[in-house]
N, C-alpha and C. Protein backbone atom coordinates (compact mmCIF):
# COMPACT_ATOMS: atom_id res chain seq x y z
N MET A 1 32.12 32.41 6.51
CA MET A 1 31.01 32.29 7.44
C MET A 1 31.44 32.77 8.82
N ARG A 2 30.52 33.34 9.53
CA ARG A 2 30.79 33.92 10.84
C ARG A 2 30.97 32.83 11.90
N THR A 3 32.02 32.99 12.71
CA THR A 3 32.21 32.07 13.83
C THR A 3 31.71 32.75 15.11
N MET A 4 31.36 31.94 16.06
CA MET A 4 30.82 32.46 17.31
C MET A 4 31.94 33.10 18.13
N LYS A 5 31.64 34.24 18.73
CA LYS A 5 32.61 34.93 19.58
C LYS A 5 32.66 34.26 20.95
N ALA A 6 33.77 34.49 21.66
CA ALA A 6 33.98 33.89 22.98
C ALA A 6 32.84 34.24 23.94
N ALA A 7 32.38 35.49 23.90
CA ALA A 7 31.29 35.91 24.79
C ALA A 7 30.00 35.16 24.46
N GLU A 8 29.78 34.85 23.18
CA GLU A 8 28.58 34.10 22.78
C GLU A 8 28.69 32.63 23.22
N MET A 9 29.92 32.12 23.28
CA MET A 9 30.13 30.72 23.65
C MET A 9 30.02 30.49 25.16
N LYS A 10 30.24 31.54 25.95
CA LYS A 10 30.31 31.36 27.40
C LYS A 10 29.07 30.68 28.00
N PRO A 11 27.84 31.13 27.66
CA PRO A 11 26.68 30.44 28.26
C PRO A 11 26.60 28.97 27.85
N PHE A 12 27.02 28.66 26.62
CA PHE A 12 27.02 27.27 26.18
C PHE A 12 28.08 26.47 26.94
N ARG A 13 29.25 27.07 27.16
CA ARG A 13 30.31 26.40 27.92
C ARG A 13 29.83 26.09 29.33
N LEU A 14 29.19 27.08 29.96
CA LEU A 14 28.68 26.86 31.32
C LEU A 14 27.62 25.77 31.35
N SER A 15 26.75 25.77 30.37
CA SER A 15 25.72 24.75 30.28
C SER A 15 26.34 23.36 30.07
N LEU A 16 27.32 23.28 29.18
CA LEU A 16 28.00 22.00 28.93
C LEU A 16 28.74 21.50 30.17
N GLU A 17 29.37 22.41 30.89
CA GLU A 17 30.08 22.02 32.12
C GLU A 17 29.10 21.52 33.18
N ALA A 18 27.91 22.12 33.25
CA ALA A 18 26.89 21.66 34.20
C ALA A 18 26.38 20.27 33.81
N ILE A 19 26.17 20.07 32.51
CA ILE A 19 25.72 18.75 32.03
C ILE A 19 26.79 17.71 32.33
N ARG A 20 28.05 18.06 32.05
CA ARG A 20 29.16 17.13 32.30
C ARG A 20 29.21 16.74 33.78
N SER A 21 29.07 17.71 34.64
CA SER A 21 29.12 17.45 36.08
C SER A 21 27.98 16.52 36.50
N ARG A 22 26.78 16.79 36.01
CA ARG A 22 25.62 15.96 36.34
C ARG A 22 25.81 14.54 35.82
N LEU A 23 26.25 14.42 34.57
CA LEU A 23 26.43 13.08 33.99
C LEU A 23 27.50 12.29 34.72
N ARG A 24 28.59 12.94 35.09
CA ARG A 24 29.63 12.24 35.84
C ARG A 24 29.09 11.71 37.16
N GLY A 25 28.29 12.51 37.83
CA GLY A 25 27.68 12.08 39.09
C GLY A 25 26.70 10.95 38.87
N ASP A 26 25.88 11.05 37.81
CA ASP A 26 24.90 10.00 37.52
C ASP A 26 25.58 8.68 37.20
N VAL A 27 26.61 8.73 36.38
CA VAL A 27 27.30 7.50 35.99
C VAL A 27 27.95 6.85 37.21
N THR A 28 28.56 7.66 38.06
CA THR A 28 29.19 7.12 39.26
C THR A 28 28.15 6.49 40.18
N THR A 29 27.03 7.17 40.37
CA THR A 29 25.96 6.65 41.23
C THR A 29 25.41 5.35 40.67
N MET A 30 25.18 5.31 39.34
CA MET A 30 24.64 4.09 38.73
C MET A 30 25.65 2.95 38.81
N ALA A 31 26.92 3.25 38.61
CA ALA A 31 27.95 2.20 38.69
C ALA A 31 27.98 1.62 40.10
N ASP A 32 27.91 2.49 41.09
CA ASP A 32 27.89 2.02 42.47
C ASP A 32 26.68 1.13 42.73
N ALA A 33 25.52 1.53 42.22
CA ALA A 33 24.30 0.75 42.43
C ALA A 33 24.39 -0.60 41.72
N ALA A 34 24.91 -0.60 40.50
CA ALA A 34 24.99 -1.85 39.73
C ALA A 34 26.00 -2.80 40.37
N LEU A 35 27.09 -2.27 40.87
CA LEU A 35 28.12 -3.11 41.45
C LEU A 35 27.84 -3.52 42.89
N ARG A 36 26.97 -2.78 43.55
CA ARG A 36 26.66 -3.08 44.95
C ARG A 36 26.08 -4.47 45.09
N LYS A 37 25.20 -4.89 44.17
CA LYS A 37 24.59 -6.20 44.27
C LYS A 37 25.63 -7.30 44.13
N THR A 38 26.51 -7.17 43.12
CA THR A 38 27.52 -8.20 42.94
C THR A 38 28.56 -8.13 44.04
N GLY A 39 28.83 -6.95 44.55
CA GLY A 39 29.79 -6.79 45.63
C GLY A 39 29.32 -7.46 46.91
N ALA A 40 28.05 -7.35 47.21
CA ALA A 40 27.51 -7.96 48.42
C ALA A 40 27.61 -9.48 48.33
N GLU A 41 27.37 -10.01 47.13
CA GLU A 41 27.43 -11.45 46.97
C GLU A 41 28.87 -11.95 47.08
N SER A 42 29.82 -11.19 46.51
CA SER A 42 31.20 -11.64 46.55
C SER A 42 31.81 -11.54 47.95
N ASN A 43 31.27 -10.68 48.80
CA ASN A 43 31.75 -10.55 50.17
C ASN A 43 31.20 -11.65 51.06
N GLY A 44 30.31 -12.46 50.54
CA GLY A 44 29.71 -13.51 51.34
C GLY A 44 28.51 -13.02 52.13
N ASP A 45 28.12 -11.78 51.94
CA ASP A 45 26.96 -11.22 52.63
C ASP A 45 25.72 -11.64 51.85
N LEU A 46 25.04 -12.63 52.35
CA LEU A 46 23.88 -13.14 51.64
C LEU A 46 22.58 -12.49 52.08
N SER A 47 22.67 -11.47 52.91
CA SER A 47 21.44 -10.84 53.39
C SER A 47 20.69 -10.13 52.27
N THR A 48 21.39 -9.74 51.19
CA THR A 48 20.69 -9.10 50.08
C THR A 48 20.37 -10.11 48.98
N MET A 49 20.71 -11.35 49.18
CA MET A 49 20.48 -12.38 48.17
C MET A 49 18.98 -12.71 48.11
N PRO A 50 18.38 -12.60 46.93
CA PRO A 50 16.96 -12.93 46.81
C PRO A 50 16.72 -14.43 46.97
N ILE A 51 15.53 -14.76 47.40
CA ILE A 51 15.19 -16.15 47.64
C ILE A 51 14.48 -16.75 46.43
N HIS A 52 13.59 -16.01 45.82
CA HIS A 52 12.77 -16.52 44.72
C HIS A 52 13.44 -16.27 43.38
N MET A 53 13.20 -17.17 42.43
CA MET A 53 13.75 -17.03 41.08
C MET A 53 13.29 -15.72 40.44
N ALA A 54 12.05 -15.32 40.72
CA ALA A 54 11.55 -14.06 40.16
C ALA A 54 12.36 -12.88 40.68
N ASP A 55 12.77 -12.95 41.94
CA ASP A 55 13.60 -11.88 42.51
C ASP A 55 14.97 -11.84 41.83
N ILE A 56 15.51 -13.01 41.55
CA ILE A 56 16.81 -13.08 40.87
C ILE A 56 16.68 -12.46 39.48
N GLY A 57 15.60 -12.78 38.77
CA GLY A 57 15.35 -12.22 37.45
C GLY A 57 15.17 -10.71 37.50
N SER A 58 14.45 -10.24 38.50
CA SER A 58 14.23 -8.79 38.65
C SER A 58 15.55 -8.08 38.92
N ASP A 59 16.37 -8.66 39.78
CA ASP A 59 17.67 -8.06 40.08
C ASP A 59 18.55 -8.02 38.84
N ALA A 60 18.54 -9.11 38.07
CA ALA A 60 19.35 -9.15 36.85
C ALA A 60 18.86 -8.10 35.85
N TYR A 61 17.53 -7.96 35.73
CA TYR A 61 16.97 -6.96 34.83
C TYR A 61 17.36 -5.55 35.27
N GLU A 62 17.25 -5.29 36.56
CA GLU A 62 17.60 -3.95 37.07
C GLU A 62 19.07 -3.65 36.81
N GLN A 63 19.92 -4.63 37.02
CA GLN A 63 21.35 -4.42 36.79
C GLN A 63 21.62 -4.17 35.30
N GLU A 64 21.02 -4.95 34.43
CA GLU A 64 21.20 -4.78 32.98
C GLU A 64 20.66 -3.42 32.53
N PHE A 65 19.53 -3.02 33.06
CA PHE A 65 18.94 -1.72 32.73
C PHE A 65 19.86 -0.59 33.17
N THR A 66 20.41 -0.70 34.37
CA THR A 66 21.33 0.31 34.89
C THR A 66 22.57 0.40 34.02
N LEU A 67 23.12 -0.74 33.62
CA LEU A 67 24.30 -0.74 32.78
C LEU A 67 24.00 -0.13 31.41
N SER A 68 22.80 -0.36 30.89
CA SER A 68 22.39 0.24 29.62
C SER A 68 22.29 1.76 29.74
N LEU A 69 21.70 2.22 30.83
CA LEU A 69 21.62 3.67 31.06
C LEU A 69 23.00 4.29 31.19
N MET A 70 23.89 3.58 31.87
CA MET A 70 25.26 4.08 32.02
C MET A 70 25.93 4.25 30.67
N ALA A 71 25.76 3.29 29.78
CA ALA A 71 26.37 3.36 28.45
C ALA A 71 25.82 4.55 27.68
N SER A 72 24.52 4.77 27.78
CA SER A 72 23.90 5.91 27.11
C SER A 72 24.43 7.23 27.66
N GLU A 73 24.53 7.32 28.97
CA GLU A 73 25.03 8.55 29.58
C GLU A 73 26.50 8.76 29.27
N GLU A 74 27.26 7.68 29.16
CA GLU A 74 28.67 7.82 28.80
C GLU A 74 28.81 8.33 27.37
N ASP A 75 27.92 7.88 26.47
CA ASP A 75 27.94 8.39 25.09
C ASP A 75 27.65 9.89 25.08
N THR A 76 26.67 10.31 25.86
CA THR A 76 26.34 11.74 25.94
C THR A 76 27.50 12.51 26.54
N LEU A 77 28.14 11.94 27.54
CA LEU A 77 29.30 12.59 28.16
C LEU A 77 30.41 12.80 27.13
N GLU A 78 30.61 11.83 26.25
CA GLU A 78 31.62 11.99 25.18
C GLU A 78 31.25 13.14 24.25
N LEU A 79 29.96 13.27 23.93
CA LEU A 79 29.52 14.38 23.08
C LEU A 79 29.75 15.72 23.76
N VAL A 80 29.49 15.76 25.07
CA VAL A 80 29.71 16.99 25.85
C VAL A 80 31.19 17.34 25.85
N GLU A 81 32.05 16.37 26.09
CA GLU A 81 33.50 16.61 26.10
C GLU A 81 33.96 17.11 24.73
N ALA A 82 33.42 16.53 23.66
CA ALA A 82 33.79 16.96 22.31
C ALA A 82 33.34 18.40 22.06
N ALA A 83 32.16 18.76 22.55
CA ALA A 83 31.66 20.13 22.39
C ALA A 83 32.54 21.11 23.16
N LEU A 84 32.96 20.74 24.36
CA LEU A 84 33.86 21.61 25.14
C LEU A 84 35.20 21.77 24.42
N GLU A 85 35.66 20.71 23.78
CA GLU A 85 36.90 20.81 22.99
C GLU A 85 36.71 21.75 21.80
N ARG A 86 35.53 21.70 21.16
CA ARG A 86 35.26 22.63 20.04
C ARG A 86 35.23 24.07 20.53
N ILE A 87 34.77 24.29 21.76
CA ILE A 87 34.79 25.64 22.32
C ILE A 87 36.24 26.09 22.49
N ARG A 88 37.07 25.21 23.05
CA ARG A 88 38.49 25.55 23.23
C ARG A 88 39.17 25.82 21.89
N ALA A 89 38.78 25.07 20.86
CA ALA A 89 39.38 25.23 19.53
C ALA A 89 38.72 26.37 18.74
N LYS A 90 37.70 26.98 19.34
CA LYS A 90 36.95 28.08 18.71
C LYS A 90 36.25 27.66 17.42
N THR A 91 35.80 26.40 17.39
CA THR A 91 35.03 25.90 16.25
C THR A 91 33.61 25.54 16.66
N TYR A 92 33.27 25.84 17.92
CA TYR A 92 31.93 25.53 18.43
C TYR A 92 30.89 26.30 17.62
N GLY A 93 29.80 25.63 17.30
CA GLY A 93 28.72 26.27 16.53
C GLY A 93 28.84 26.03 15.04
N ARG A 94 29.89 25.30 14.63
CA ARG A 94 30.08 24.94 13.23
C ARG A 94 29.74 23.46 13.06
N CYS A 95 29.02 23.15 12.02
CA CYS A 95 28.64 21.77 11.74
C CYS A 95 29.89 20.97 11.35
N GLU A 96 30.04 19.81 11.96
CA GLU A 96 31.19 18.96 11.66
C GLU A 96 31.08 18.29 10.30
N GLU A 97 29.90 18.27 9.71
CA GLU A 97 29.72 17.63 8.42
C GLU A 97 29.86 18.62 7.26
N CYS A 98 29.12 19.73 7.30
CA CYS A 98 29.09 20.66 6.17
C CYS A 98 29.83 21.96 6.44
N ASP A 99 30.30 22.15 7.68
CA ASP A 99 31.00 23.36 8.12
C ASP A 99 30.09 24.59 8.13
N GLY A 100 28.79 24.36 8.05
CA GLY A 100 27.84 25.46 8.16
C GLY A 100 27.61 25.84 9.61
N VAL A 101 26.83 26.88 9.82
CA VAL A 101 26.52 27.35 11.16
C VAL A 101 25.40 26.50 11.76
N ILE A 102 25.58 26.08 13.00
CA ILE A 102 24.52 25.39 13.73
C ILE A 102 23.66 26.47 14.37
N ALA A 103 22.36 26.42 14.13
CA ALA A 103 21.44 27.45 14.66
C ALA A 103 21.53 27.52 16.18
N LYS A 104 21.51 28.74 16.71
CA LYS A 104 21.58 28.92 18.16
C LYS A 104 20.42 28.23 18.87
N LYS A 105 19.25 28.21 18.24
CA LYS A 105 18.09 27.52 18.84
C LYS A 105 18.42 26.03 19.05
N ARG A 106 19.11 25.44 18.07
CA ARG A 106 19.49 24.02 18.20
C ARG A 106 20.50 23.86 19.33
N LEU A 107 21.47 24.76 19.41
CA LEU A 107 22.47 24.67 20.47
C LEU A 107 21.87 24.94 21.84
N GLU A 108 20.86 25.78 21.90
CA GLU A 108 20.19 26.02 23.18
C GLU A 108 19.45 24.77 23.65
N ALA A 109 18.87 24.04 22.70
CA ALA A 109 18.15 22.81 23.04
C ALA A 109 19.10 21.64 23.27
N LEU A 110 20.18 21.60 22.50
CA LEU A 110 21.13 20.49 22.55
C LEU A 110 22.54 21.06 22.42
N PRO A 111 23.10 21.58 23.52
CA PRO A 111 24.36 22.32 23.43
C PRO A 111 25.55 21.49 22.96
N PHE A 112 25.43 20.17 22.95
CA PHE A 112 26.52 19.32 22.50
C PHE A 112 26.32 18.84 21.06
N ALA A 113 25.34 19.41 20.35
CA ALA A 113 25.07 19.00 18.97
C ALA A 113 26.28 19.27 18.08
N PRO A 114 26.79 18.24 17.40
CA PRO A 114 27.96 18.44 16.53
C PRO A 114 27.60 18.82 15.10
N THR A 115 26.30 18.71 14.76
CA THR A 115 25.88 18.97 13.38
C THR A 115 24.66 19.88 13.34
N CYS A 116 24.48 20.50 12.18
CA CYS A 116 23.28 21.30 11.96
C CYS A 116 22.09 20.35 11.79
N ILE A 117 20.90 20.88 11.78
CA ILE A 117 19.70 20.03 11.69
C ILE A 117 19.67 19.27 10.38
N ARG A 118 20.00 19.94 9.28
CA ARG A 118 19.95 19.28 7.97
C ARG A 118 20.89 18.07 7.93
N CYS A 119 22.12 18.26 8.39
CA CYS A 119 23.07 17.14 8.39
C CYS A 119 22.65 16.05 9.37
N ALA A 120 22.12 16.43 10.53
CA ALA A 120 21.66 15.44 11.50
C ALA A 120 20.55 14.58 10.90
N GLU A 121 19.63 15.20 10.16
CA GLU A 121 18.55 14.45 9.52
C GLU A 121 19.11 13.48 8.49
N LYS A 122 20.10 13.93 7.71
CA LYS A 122 20.70 13.05 6.71
C LYS A 122 21.42 11.88 7.38
N LEU A 123 22.13 12.15 8.46
CA LEU A 123 22.84 11.10 9.17
C LEU A 123 21.88 10.10 9.79
N GLU A 124 20.77 10.59 10.34
CA GLU A 124 19.78 9.69 10.95
C GLU A 124 19.09 8.84 9.91
N ALA A 125 18.97 9.37 8.69
CA ALA A 125 18.33 8.61 7.61
C ALA A 125 19.25 7.53 7.07
N GLY A 126 20.49 7.51 7.59
CA GLY A 126 21.42 6.47 7.18
C GLY A 126 22.37 6.90 6.10
N GLY A 127 22.20 8.09 5.60
CA GLY A 127 23.10 8.57 4.57
C GLY A 127 24.19 9.42 5.16
N SER A 128 25.09 9.78 4.33
CA SER A 128 26.16 10.68 4.75
C SER A 128 25.75 12.09 4.40
N ALA A 129 25.97 13.01 5.30
CA ALA A 129 25.61 14.40 5.06
C ALA A 129 26.53 14.99 4.02
N ARG A 130 27.76 14.53 3.98
CA ARG A 130 28.76 15.07 3.06
C ARG A 130 29.22 13.93 2.18
N PRO A 131 29.28 14.14 0.88
CA PRO A 131 29.74 13.04 0.02
C PRO A 131 31.16 12.63 0.40
N ARG A 132 31.39 11.36 0.53
CA ARG A 132 32.71 10.83 0.88
C ARG A 132 33.40 10.36 -0.39
N LEU A 133 34.67 10.61 -0.47
CA LEU A 133 35.44 10.16 -1.62
C LEU A 133 35.75 8.67 -1.46
N PRO A 134 35.68 7.91 -2.56
CA PRO A 134 36.04 6.49 -2.44
C PRO A 134 37.51 6.35 -2.14
N ARG A 135 37.87 5.29 -1.45
CA ARG A 135 39.29 5.05 -1.08
C ARG A 135 39.98 4.23 -2.12
């Protein structure tokens, strides 16, 4: 099967590097925002301390929501890093499950996709895309 040439990988590498840069900035910004509330309280600065129980609940919800978003973005960042590693290893564009070619349209939409559409659908359905040998 044909592997992608370095010149074909370049736009994907640039796109992945831009996504990585954005995600790193987003995670840092969200971490600062989530920690700012607890940091103000630990410094003894009570000027940001809410007075009403509803405000306390809202702040806790916002912090939990921010931490959830951070976890999601960190997962995506890991996928981006793995895709950049596949570019370095010259295996980018190959499905990690079936070793088939990942369609360029899929990579254009999701440049960090590790699997072809068929394998991704099988994995999402809860099955394994590739039969696993029993241990």
